[in-house]
All heavy atoms as atom14 arrays in JSON, in Angstrom:
{
  "sequence": "VEYISMDKAYLKLNVGETYLLTPTIYPENATNKHIDWQTKDPEV",
  "atom14_mask": [
    [1, 1, 1, 1, 1, 1, 1, 0, 0, 0, 0, 0, 0, 0],
    [1, 1, 1, 1, 1, 1, 1, 1, 1, 0, 0, 0, 0, 0],
    [1, 1, 1, 1, 1, 1, 1, 1, 1, 1, 1, 1, 0, 0],
    [1, 1, 1, 1, 1, 1, 1, 1, 0, 0, 0, 0, 0, 0],
    [1, 1, 1, 1, 1, 1, 0, 0, 0, 0, 0, 0, 0, 0],
    [1, 1, 1, 1, 1, 1, 1, 1, 0, 0, 0, 0, 0, 0],
    [1, 1, 1, 1, 1, 1, 1, 1, 0, 0, 0, 0, 0, 0],
    [1, 1, 1, 1, 1, 1, 1, 1, 1, 0, 0, 0, 0, 0],
    [1, 1, 1, 1, 1, 0, 0, 0, 0, 0, 0, 0, 0, 0],
    [1, 1, 1, 1, 1, 1, 1, 1, 1, 1, 1, 1, 0, 0],
    [1, 1, 1, 1, 1, 1, 1, 1, 0, 0, 0, 0, 0, 0],
    [1, 1, 1, 1, 1, 1, 1, 1, 1, 0, 0, 0, 0, 0],
    [1, 1, 1, 1, 1, 1, 1, 1, 0, 0, 0, 0, 0, 0],
    [1, 1, 1, 1, 1, 1, 1, 1, 0, 0, 0, 0, 0, 0],
    [1, 1, 1, 1, 1, 1, 1, 0, 0, 0, 0, 0, 0, 0],
    [1, 1, 1, 1, 0, 0, 0, 0, 0, 0, 0, 0, 0, 0],
    [1, 1, 1, 1, 1, 1, 1, 1, 1, 0, 0, 0, 0, 0],
    [1, 1, 1, 1, 1, 1, 1, 0, 0, 0, 0, 0, 0, 0],
    [1, 1, 1, 1, 1, 1, 1, 1, 1, 1, 1, 1, 0, 0],
    [1, 1, 1, 1, 1, 1, 1, 1, 0, 0, 0, 0, 0, 0],
    [1, 1, 1, 1, 1, 1, 1, 1, 0, 0, 0, 0, 0, 0],
    [1, 1, 1, 1, 1, 1, 1, 0, 0, 0, 0, 0, 0, 0],
    [1, 1, 1, 1, 1, 1, 1, 0, 0, 0, 0, 0, 0, 0],
    [1, 1, 1, 1, 1, 1, 1, 0, 0, 0, 0, 0, 0, 0],
    [1, 1, 1, 1, 1, 1, 1, 1, 0, 0, 0, 0, 0, 0],
    [1, 1, 1, 1, 1, 1, 1, 1, 1, 1, 1, 1, 0, 0],
    [1, 1, 1, 1, 1, 1, 1, 0, 0, 0, 0, 0, 0, 0],
    [1, 1, 1, 1, 1, 1, 1, 1, 1, 0, 0, 0, 0, 0],
    [1, 1, 1, 1, 1, 1, 1, 1, 0, 0, 0, 0, 0, 0],
    [1, 1, 1, 1, 1, 0, 0, 0, 0, 0, 0, 0, 0, 0],
    [1, 1, 1, 1, 1, 1, 1, 0, 0, 0, 0, 0, 0, 0],
    [1, 1, 1, 1, 1, 1, 1, 1, 0, 0, 0, 0, 0, 0],
    [1, 1, 1, 1, 1, 1, 1, 1, 1, 0, 0, 0, 0, 0],
    [1, 1, 1, 1, 1, 1, 1, 1, 1, 1, 0, 0, 0, 0],
    [1, 1, 1, 1, 1, 1, 1, 1, 0, 0, 0, 0, 0, 0],
    [1, 1, 1, 1, 1, 1, 1, 1, 0, 0, 0, 0, 0, 0],
    [1, 1, 1, 1, 1, 1, 1, 1, 1, 1, 1, 1, 1, 1],
    [1, 1, 1, 1, 1, 1, 1, 1, 1, 0, 0, 0, 0, 0],
    [1, 1, 1, 1, 1, 1, 1, 0, 0, 0, 0, 0, 0, 0],
    [1, 1, 1, 1, 1, 1, 1, 1, 1, 0, 0, 0, 0, 0],
    [1, 1, 1, 1, 1, 1, 1, 1, 0, 0, 0, 0, 0, 0],
    [1, 1, 1, 1, 1, 1, 1, 0, 0, 0, 0, 0, 0, 0],
    [1, 1, 1, 1, 1, 1, 1, 1, 1, 0, 0, 0, 0, 0],
    [1, 1, 1, 1, 1, 1, 1, 0, 0, 0, 0, 0, 0, 0]
  ],
  "atom14_positions": [
    [[-11.31, 18.58, -22.52], [-11.25, 17.19, -22.11], [-12.25, 16.4, -22.94], [-13.42, 16.77, -23.07], [-11.56, 17.05, -20.61], [-11.59, 15.58, -20.21], [-10.54, 17.82, -19.78], [0.0, 0.0, 0.0], [0.0, 0.0, 0.0], [0.0, 0.0, 0.0], [0.0, 0.0, 0.0], [0.0, 0.0, 0.0], [0.0, 0.0, 0.0], [0.0, 0.0, 0.0]],
    [[-11.81, 15.3, -23.51], [-12.68, 14.48, -24.34], [-13.11, 13.18, -23.66], [-14.19, 12.64, -23.97], [-11.96, 14.16, -25.65], [-11.62, 15.39, -26.49], [-10.85, 15.05, -27.73], [-10.59, 13.83, -27.96], [-10.47, 15.98, -28.48], [0.0, 0.0, 0.0], [0.0, 0.0, 0.0], [0.0, 0.0, 0.0], [0.0, 0.0, 0.0], [0.0, 0.0, 0.0]],
    [[-12.29, 12.71, -22.73], [-12.59, 11.42, -22.1], [-11.83, 11.33, -20.8], [-10.7, 11.81, -20.69], [-12.22, 10.28, -23.06], [-12.46, 8.89, -22.51], [-13.75, 8.4, -22.35], [-11.4, 8.07, -22.15], [-13.98, 7.11, -21.86], [-11.6, 6.79, -21.67], [-12.9, 6.31, -21.51], [-13.12, 5.05, -21.02], [0.0, 0.0, 0.0], [0.0, 0.0, 0.0]],
    [[-12.46, 10.67, -19.79], [-11.81, 10.43, -18.5], [-11.89, 8.93, -18.21], [-12.98, 8.36, -18.18], [-12.47, 11.22, -17.36], [-12.36, 12.73, -17.62], [-11.82, 10.87, -16.02], [-13.07, 13.58, -16.58], [0.0, 0.0, 0.0], [0.0, 0.0, 0.0], [0.0, 0.0, 0.0], [0.0, 0.0, 0.0], [0.0, 0.0, 0.0], [0.0, 0.0, 0.0]],
    [[-10.74, 8.35, -18.03], [-10.66, 6.93, -17.69], [-10.23, 6.79, -16.23], [-9.28, 7.45, -15.79], [-9.66, 6.23, -18.62], [-9.46, 4.88, -18.23], [0.0, 0.0, 0.0], [0.0, 0.0, 0.0], [0.0, 0.0, 0.0], [0.0, 0.0, 0.0], [0.0, 0.0, 0.0], [0.0, 0.0, 0.0], [0.0, 0.0, 0.0], [0.0, 0.0, 0.0]],
    [[-10.93, 5.9, -15.46], [-10.62, 5.68, -14.05], [-9.74, 4.45, -13.92], [-9.87, 3.48, -14.67], [-11.89, 5.51, -13.24], [-12.95, 6.59, -13.49], [-12.42, 8.23, -12.99], [-12.63, 8.09, -11.23], [0.0, 0.0, 0.0], [0.0, 0.0, 0.0], [0.0, 0.0, 0.0], [0.0, 0.0, 0.0], [0.0, 0.0, 0.0], [0.0, 0.0, 0.0]],
    [[-8.81, 4.48, -12.98], [-7.97, 3.31, -12.78], [-8.76, 2.1, -12.26], [-8.33, 0.95, -12.39], [-6.82, 3.63, -11.85], [-7.29, 3.94, -10.44], [-8.32, 4.62, -10.29], [-6.61, 3.53, -9.48], [0.0, 0.0, 0.0], [0.0, 0.0, 0.0], [0.0, 0.0, 0.0], [0.0, 0.0, 0.0], [0.0, 0.0, 0.0], [0.0, 0.0, 0.0]],
    [[-9.92, 2.35, -11.66], [-10.83, 1.3, -11.22], [-12.24, 1.62, -11.7], [-12.79, 2.66, -11.37], [-10.85, 1.17, -9.69], [-9.53, 0.74, -9.08], [-9.23, -0.74, -9.35], [-7.98, -1.17, -8.6], [-7.65, -2.61, -8.85], [0.0, 0.0, 0.0], [0.0, 0.0, 0.0], [0.0, 0.0, 0.0], [0.0, 0.0, 0.0], [0.0, 0.0, 0.0]],
    [[-12.76, 0.74, -12.52], [-14.15, 0.92, -12.93], [-15.11, 0.36, -11.88], [-16.27, 0.78, -11.8], [-14.39, 0.25, -14.28], [0.0, 0.0, 0.0], [0.0, 0.0, 0.0], [0.0, 0.0, 0.0], [0.0, 0.0, 0.0], [0.0, 0.0, 0.0], [0.0, 0.0, 0.0], [0.0, 0.0, 0.0], [0.0, 0.0, 0.0], [0.0, 0.0, 0.0]],
    [[-14.62, -0.61, -11.07], [-15.42, -1.22, -10.02], [-14.51, -1.45, -8.83], [-13.38, -1.92, -8.97], [-16.04, -2.54, -10.5], [-16.88, -3.24, -9.46], [-18.19, -2.84, -9.22], [-16.35, -4.29, -8.72], [-18.96, -3.49, -8.25], [-17.12, -4.95, -7.77], [-18.42, -4.53, -7.52], [-19.19, -5.16, -6.55], [0.0, 0.0, 0.0], [0.0, 0.0, 0.0]],
    [[-15.0, -1.12, -7.63], [-14.16, -1.18, -6.43], [-14.98, -1.68, -5.26], [-16.09, -1.2, -5.01], [-13.58, 0.2, -6.13], [-12.65, 0.31, -4.93], [-11.38, -0.51, -5.14], [-12.28, 1.79, -4.69], [0.0, 0.0, 0.0], [0.0, 0.0, 0.0], [0.0, 0.0, 0.0], [0.0, 0.0, 0.0], [0.0, 0.0, 0.0], [0.0, 0.0, 0.0]],
    [[-14.43, -2.67, -4.51], [-15.03, -3.15, -3.28], [-14.2, -2.71, -2.1], [-12.98, -2.85, -2.08], [-15.12, -4.68, -3.28], [-16.25, -5.25, -4.1], [-16.34, -6.76, -3.91], [-17.52, -7.36, -4.63], [-17.63, -8.83, -4.37], [0.0, 0.0, 0.0], [0.0, 0.0, 0.0], [0.0, 0.0, 0.0], [0.0, 0.0, 0.0], [0.0, 0.0, 0.0]],
    [[-14.85, -2.18, -1.08], [-14.2, -1.76, 0.15], [-15.01, -2.22, 1.34], [-16.22, -2.47, 1.23], [-14.05, -0.24, 0.18], [-13.14, 0.43, -0.87], [-13.25, 1.95, -0.74], [-11.69, 0.0, -0.71], [0.0, 0.0, 0.0], [0.0, 0.0, 0.0], [0.0, 0.0, 0.0], [0.0, 0.0, 0.0], [0.0, 0.0, 0.0], [0.0, 0.0, 0.0]],
    [[-14.32, -2.29, 2.45], [-15.0, -2.5, 3.72], [-15.19, -1.16, 4.39], [-14.46, -0.19, 4.14], [-14.19, -3.43, 4.62], [-14.1, -4.85, 4.06], [-15.09, -5.39, 3.53], [-12.91, -5.45, 4.18], [0.0, 0.0, 0.0], [0.0, 0.0, 0.0], [0.0, 0.0, 0.0], [0.0, 0.0, 0.0], [0.0, 0.0, 0.0], [0.0, 0.0, 0.0]],
    [[-16.2, -1.1, 5.25], [-16.45, 0.12, 5.99], [-15.19, 0.54, 6.74], [-14.55, -0.28, 7.38], [-17.64, -0.04, 6.95], [-17.78, 1.22, 7.8], [-18.93, -0.31, 6.2], [0.0, 0.0, 0.0], [0.0, 0.0, 0.0], [0.0, 0.0, 0.0], [0.0, 0.0, 0.0], [0.0, 0.0, 0.0], [0.0, 0.0, 0.0], [0.0, 0.0, 0.0]],
    [[-14.85, 1.81, 6.54], [-13.67, 2.33, 7.2], [-12.43, 2.37, 6.32], [-11.46, 3.06, 6.63], [0.0, 0.0, 0.0], [0.0, 0.0, 0.0], [0.0, 0.0, 0.0], [0.0, 0.0, 0.0], [0.0, 0.0, 0.0], [0.0, 0.0, 0.0], [0.0, 0.0, 0.0], [0.0, 0.0, 0.0], [0.0, 0.0, 0.0], [0.0, 0.0, 0.0]],
    [[-12.44, 1.63, 5.21], [-11.3, 1.63, 4.31], [-11.32, 2.86, 3.39], [-12.37, 3.44, 3.13], [-11.27, 0.35, 3.49], [-10.96, -0.9, 4.29], [-10.88, -2.14, 3.43], [-11.53, -2.18, 2.37], [-10.16, -3.07, 3.83], [0.0, 0.0, 0.0], [0.0, 0.0, 0.0], [0.0, 0.0, 0.0], [0.0, 0.0, 0.0], [0.0, 0.0, 0.0]],
    [[-10.14, 3.15, 2.88], [-10.0, 4.27, 1.93], [-9.28, 3.78, 0.68], [-8.56, 2.76, 0.7], [-9.23, 5.45, 2.53], [-7.9, 5.01, 2.88], [-9.94, 5.98, 3.77], [0.0, 0.0, 0.0], [0.0, 0.0, 0.0], [0.0, 0.0, 0.0], [0.0, 0.0, 0.0], [0.0, 0.0, 0.0], [0.0, 0.0, 0.0], [0.0, 0.0, 0.0]],
    [[-9.43, 4.57, -0.41], [-8.76, 4.24, -1.67], [-8.59, 5.52, -2.48], [-9.51, 6.34, -2.6], [-9.57, 3.21, -2.47], [-8.88, 2.79, -3.75], [-7.93, 1.78, -3.73], [-9.16, 3.42, -4.97], [-7.28, 1.38, -4.91], [-8.52, 3.04, -6.14], [-7.56, 2.02, -6.09], [-6.92, 1.64, -7.24], [0.0, 0.0, 0.0], [0.0, 0.0, 0.0]],
    [[-7.38, 5.67, -3.03], [-7.09, 6.83, -3.9], [-7.46, 6.46, -5.32], [-6.78, 5.66, -5.96], [-5.62, 7.23, -3.81], [-5.18, 8.36, -4.74], [-5.97, 9.65, -4.48], [-3.68, 8.62, -4.61], [0.0, 0.0, 0.0], [0.0, 0.0, 0.0], [0.0, 0.0, 0.0], [0.0, 0.0, 0.0], [0.0, 0.0, 0.0], [0.0, 0.0, 0.0]],
    [[-8.52, 7.06, -5.8], [-8.98, 6.81, -7.16], [-8.23, 7.74, -8.11], [-8.19, 8.96, -7.91], [-10.48, 7.04, -7.24], [-11.22, 6.49, -8.46], [-11.09, 4.96, -8.52], [-12.7, 6.86, -8.4], [0.0, 0.0, 0.0], [0.0, 0.0, 0.0], [0.0, 0.0, 0.0], [0.0, 0.0, 0.0], [0.0, 0.0, 0.0], [0.0, 0.0, 0.0]],
    [[-7.64, 7.17, -9.16], [-6.8, 7.95, -10.09], [-7.46, 8.04, -11.46], [-7.65, 7.01, -12.11], [-5.42, 7.32, -10.23], [-4.81, 7.2, -8.92], [-4.54, 8.17, -11.13], [0.0, 0.0, 0.0], [0.0, 0.0, 0.0], [0.0, 0.0, 0.0], [0.0, 0.0, 0.0], [0.0, 0.0, 0.0], [0.0, 0.0, 0.0], [0.0, 0.0, 0.0]],
    [[-7.8, 9.26, -11.9], [-8.36, 9.42, -13.24], [-7.26, 9.72, -14.26], [-6.24, 10.33, -13.94], [-9.3, 10.61, -13.08], [-8.62, 11.47, -12.05], [-7.88, 10.53, -11.12], [0.0, 0.0, 0.0], [0.0, 0.0, 0.0], [0.0, 0.0, 0.0], [0.0, 0.0, 0.0], [0.0, 0.0, 0.0], [0.0, 0.0, 0.0], [0.0, 0.0, 0.0]],
    [[-7.44, 9.32, -15.5], [-6.57, 9.68, -16.61], [-7.38, 10.5, -17.6], [-8.43, 10.06, -18.07], [-6.0, 8.44, -17.32], [-5.25, 7.67, -16.36], [-5.09, 8.84, -18.46], [0.0, 0.0, 0.0], [0.0, 0.0, 0.0], [0.0, 0.0, 0.0], [0.0, 0.0, 0.0], [0.0, 0.0, 0.0], [0.0, 0.0, 0.0], [0.0, 0.0, 0.0]],
    [[-6.88, 11.68, -17.9], [-7.61, 12.62, -18.73], [-7.08, 12.56, -20.16], [-5.86, 12.57, -20.39], [-7.49, 14.04, -18.17], [-8.13, 14.11, -16.77], [-8.14, 15.07, -19.1], [-7.91, 15.42, -16.06], [0.0, 0.0, 0.0], [0.0, 0.0, 0.0], [0.0, 0.0, 0.0], [0.0, 0.0, 0.0], [0.0, 0.0, 0.0], [0.0, 0.0, 0.0]],
    [[-7.98, 12.52, -21.11], [-7.65, 12.54, -22.54], [-8.3, 13.75, -23.2], [-9.46, 14.07, -22.91], [-8.1, 11.25, -23.22], [-7.46, 9.99, -22.68], [-8.09, 9.26, -21.68], [-6.23, 9.55, -23.15], [-7.51, 8.11, -21.17], [-5.65, 8.39, -22.64], [-6.29, 7.68, -21.66], [-5.71, 6.53, -21.15], [0.0, 0.0, 0.0], [0.0, 0.0, 0.0]],
    [[-7.56, 14.45, -24.11], [-6.15, 14.23, -24.43], [-5.23, 14.69, -23.31], [-5.65, 15.44, -22.43], [-5.95, 15.06, -25.7], [-6.92, 16.19, -25.55], [-8.12, 15.58, -24.88], [0.0, 0.0, 0.0], [0.0, 0.0, 0.0], [0.0, 0.0, 0.0], [0.0, 0.0, 0.0], [0.0, 0.0, 0.0], [0.0, 0.0, 0.0], [0.0, 0.0, 0.0]],
    [[-3.99, 14.24, -23.4], [-3.04, 14.56, -22.34], [-2.76, 16.06, -22.26], [-2.42, 16.56, -21.19], [-1.72, 13.81, -22.56], [-1.85, 12.31, -22.4], [-0.52, 11.6, -22.54], [0.48, 12.31, -22.81], [-0.46, 10.37, -22.41], [0.0, 0.0, 0.0], [0.0, 0.0, 0.0], [0.0, 0.0, 0.0], [0.0, 0.0, 0.0], [0.0, 0.0, 0.0]],
    [[-2.88, 16.77, -23.42], [-2.59, 18.21, -23.43], [-3.84, 19.05, -23.22], [-3.87, 20.23, -23.61], [-1.91, 18.6, -24.73], [-2.77, 18.35, -25.95], [-3.71, 17.57, -25.91], [-2.44, 19.01, -27.06], [0.0, 0.0, 0.0], [0.0, 0.0, 0.0], [0.0, 0.0, 0.0], [0.0, 0.0, 0.0], [0.0, 0.0, 0.0], [0.0, 0.0, 0.0]],
    [[-4.85, 18.47, -22.65], [-6.05, 19.24, -22.34], [-5.68, 20.47, -21.52], [-4.84, 20.4, -20.62], [-7.07, 18.39, -21.62], [0.0, 0.0, 0.0], [0.0, 0.0, 0.0], [0.0, 0.0, 0.0], [0.0, 0.0, 0.0], [0.0, 0.0, 0.0], [0.0, 0.0, 0.0], [0.0, 0.0, 0.0], [0.0, 0.0, 0.0], [0.0, 0.0, 0.0]],
    [[-6.31, 21.58, -21.87], [-5.94, 22.84, -21.22], [-6.3, 22.86, -19.74], [-5.49, 23.21, -18.89], [-6.63, 24.01, -21.94], [-6.3, 23.98, -23.32], [-6.18, 25.33, -21.34], [0.0, 0.0, 0.0], [0.0, 0.0, 0.0], [0.0, 0.0, 0.0], [0.0, 0.0, 0.0], [0.0, 0.0, 0.0], [0.0, 0.0, 0.0], [0.0, 0.0, 0.0]],
    [[-7.5, 22.5, -19.45], [-7.99, 22.53, -18.06], [-8.23, 21.11, -17.59], [-9.19, 20.46, -18.01], [-9.27, 23.36, -17.99], [-9.72, 23.61, -16.57], [-9.2, 23.03, -15.61], [-10.7, 24.49, -16.42], [0.0, 0.0, 0.0], [0.0, 0.0, 0.0], [0.0, 0.0, 0.0], [0.0, 0.0, 0.0], [0.0, 0.0, 0.0], [0.0, 0.0, 0.0]],
    [[-7.38, 20.64, -16.71], [-7.49, 19.28, -16.2], [-8.12, 19.21, -14.81], [-8.05, 18.17, -14.16], [-6.11, 18.63, -16.18], [-5.5, 18.42, -17.56], [-4.19, 17.68, -17.48], [-3.61, 17.42, -18.86], [-2.35, 16.64, -18.8], [0.0, 0.0, 0.0], [0.0, 0.0, 0.0], [0.0, 0.0, 0.0], [0.0, 0.0, 0.0], [0.0, 0.0, 0.0]],
    [[-8.71, 20.29, -14.4], [-9.34, 20.29, -13.07], [-10.5, 19.29, -13.02], [-11.31, 19.2, -13.95], [-9.83, 21.69, -12.72], [-10.55, 21.74, -11.42], [-9.91, 21.68, -10.2], [-11.89, 21.83, -11.15], [-10.79, 21.73, -9.23], [-12.02, 21.83, -9.77], [0.0, 0.0, 0.0], [0.0, 0.0, 0.0], [0.0, 0.0, 0.0], [0.0, 0.0, 0.0]],
    [[-10.56, 18.57, -11.91], [-11.6, 17.56, -11.7], [-12.4, 17.9, -10.45], [-11.84, 18.19, -9.39], [-10.99, 16.15, -11.57], [-10.33, 15.72, -12.87], [-12.05, 15.13, -11.14], [-11.28, 15.53, -14.01], [0.0, 0.0, 0.0], [0.0, 0.0, 0.0], [0.0, 0.0, 0.0], [0.0, 0.0, 0.0], [0.0, 0.0, 0.0], [0.0, 0.0, 0.0]],
    [[-13.7, 17.83, -10.59], [-14.6, 17.9, -9.45], [-15.09, 16.48, -9.13], [-15.51, 15.75, -10.04], [-15.8, 18.81, -9.73], [-15.4, 20.27, -9.8], [-14.51, 20.68, -9.03], [-15.97, 21.01, -10.64], [0.0, 0.0, 0.0], [0.0, 0.0, 0.0], [0.0, 0.0, 0.0], [0.0, 0.0, 0.0], [0.0, 0.0, 0.0], [0.0, 0.0, 0.0]],
    [[-15.04, 16.14, -7.83], [-15.43, 14.79, -7.41], [-16.81, 14.82, -6.77], [-17.15, 15.71, -6.02], [-14.41, 14.22, -6.42], [-13.05, 14.0, -7.04], [-12.02, 14.88, -7.1], [-12.6, 12.81, -7.68], [-10.94, 14.33, -7.73], [-11.29, 13.03, -8.11], [-13.2, 11.56, -7.93], [-10.54, 12.08, -8.77], [-12.45, 10.6, -8.58], [-11.14, 10.87, -9.01]],
    [[-17.57, 13.78, -7.05], [-18.91, 13.65, -6.48], [-19.19, 12.19, -6.12], [-18.66, 11.28, -6.76], [-19.98, 14.13, -7.47], [-20.01, 15.63, -7.72], [-21.15, 16.03, -8.63], [-21.92, 15.17, -9.11], [-21.28, 17.33, -8.88], [0.0, 0.0, 0.0], [0.0, 0.0, 0.0], [0.0, 0.0, 0.0], [0.0, 0.0, 0.0], [0.0, 0.0, 0.0]],
    [[-20.01, 12.0, -5.1], [-20.51, 10.68, -4.73], [-22.03, 10.67, -4.83], [-22.68, 11.66, -4.47], [-20.07, 10.27, -3.32], [-20.62, 8.97, -3.01], [-20.53, 11.29, -2.28], [0.0, 0.0, 0.0], [0.0, 0.0, 0.0], [0.0, 0.0, 0.0], [0.0, 0.0, 0.0], [0.0, 0.0, 0.0], [0.0, 0.0, 0.0], [0.0, 0.0, 0.0]],
    [[-22.54, 9.6, -5.31], [-23.99, 9.51, -5.47], [-24.69, 9.3, -4.13], [-25.8, 9.81, -3.93], [-24.34, 8.37, -6.44], [-25.81, 8.3, -6.8], [-26.05, 7.24, -7.85], [-27.53, 7.19, -8.23], [-27.8, 6.14, -9.26], [0.0, 0.0, 0.0], [0.0, 0.0, 0.0], [0.0, 0.0, 0.0], [0.0, 0.0, 0.0], [0.0, 0.0, 0.0]],
    [[-24.05, 8.57, -3.2], [-24.64, 8.31, -1.9], [-23.57, 8.49, -0.83], [-22.77, 7.58, -0.59], [-25.2, 6.88, -1.84], [-26.03, 6.63, -0.59], [-26.03, 7.5, 0.32], [-26.67, 5.55, -0.52], [0.0, 0.0, 0.0], [0.0, 0.0, 0.0], [0.0, 0.0, 0.0], [0.0, 0.0, 0.0], [0.0, 0.0, 0.0], [0.0, 0.0, 0.0]],
    [[-23.53, 9.64, -0.17], [-22.51, 9.88, 0.86], [-22.68, 9.01, 2.1], [-21.77, 8.97, 2.93], [-22.69, 11.36, 1.18], [-24.08, 11.69, 0.77], [-24.39, 10.8, -0.39], [0.0, 0.0, 0.0], [0.0, 0.0, 0.0], [0.0, 0.0, 0.0], [0.0, 0.0, 0.0], [0.0, 0.0, 0.0], [0.0, 0.0, 0.0], [0.0, 0.0, 0.0]],
    [[-23.85, 8.3, 2.26], [-24.02, 7.39, 3.37], [-23.26, 6.09, 3.16], [-23.02, 5.35, 4.1], [-25.51, 7.09, 3.57], [-26.36, 8.3, 3.87], [-26.02, 8.92, 5.22], [-25.61, 8.17, 6.14], [-26.12, 10.17, 5.34], [0.0, 0.0, 0.0], [0.0, 0.0, 0.0], [0.0, 0.0, 0.0], [0.0, 0.0, 0.0], [0.0, 0.0, 0.0]],
    [[-22.9, 5.88, 1.9], [-22.16, 4.67, 1.57], [-20.66, 4.97, 1.46], [-19.82, 4.29, 2.03], [-22.67, 4.05, 0.26], [-21.83, 2.83, -0.13], [-24.13, 3.66, 0.4], [0.0, 0.0, 0.0], [0.0, 0.0, 0.0], [0.0, 0.0, 0.0], [0.0, 0.0, 0.0], [0.0, 0.0, 0.0], [0.0, 0.0, 0.0], [0.0, 0.0, 0.0]]
  ]
}
């Protein structure tokens, strides 16, 4: 994988709302496209 582009670079939500964040992986033929997700502040 050389680059990961997110469908949203900036996102506003209200408490209780959800959103499916979609990443695009480059190159498209990357062998391993597995993604691990992390949050910097789980209280937020």
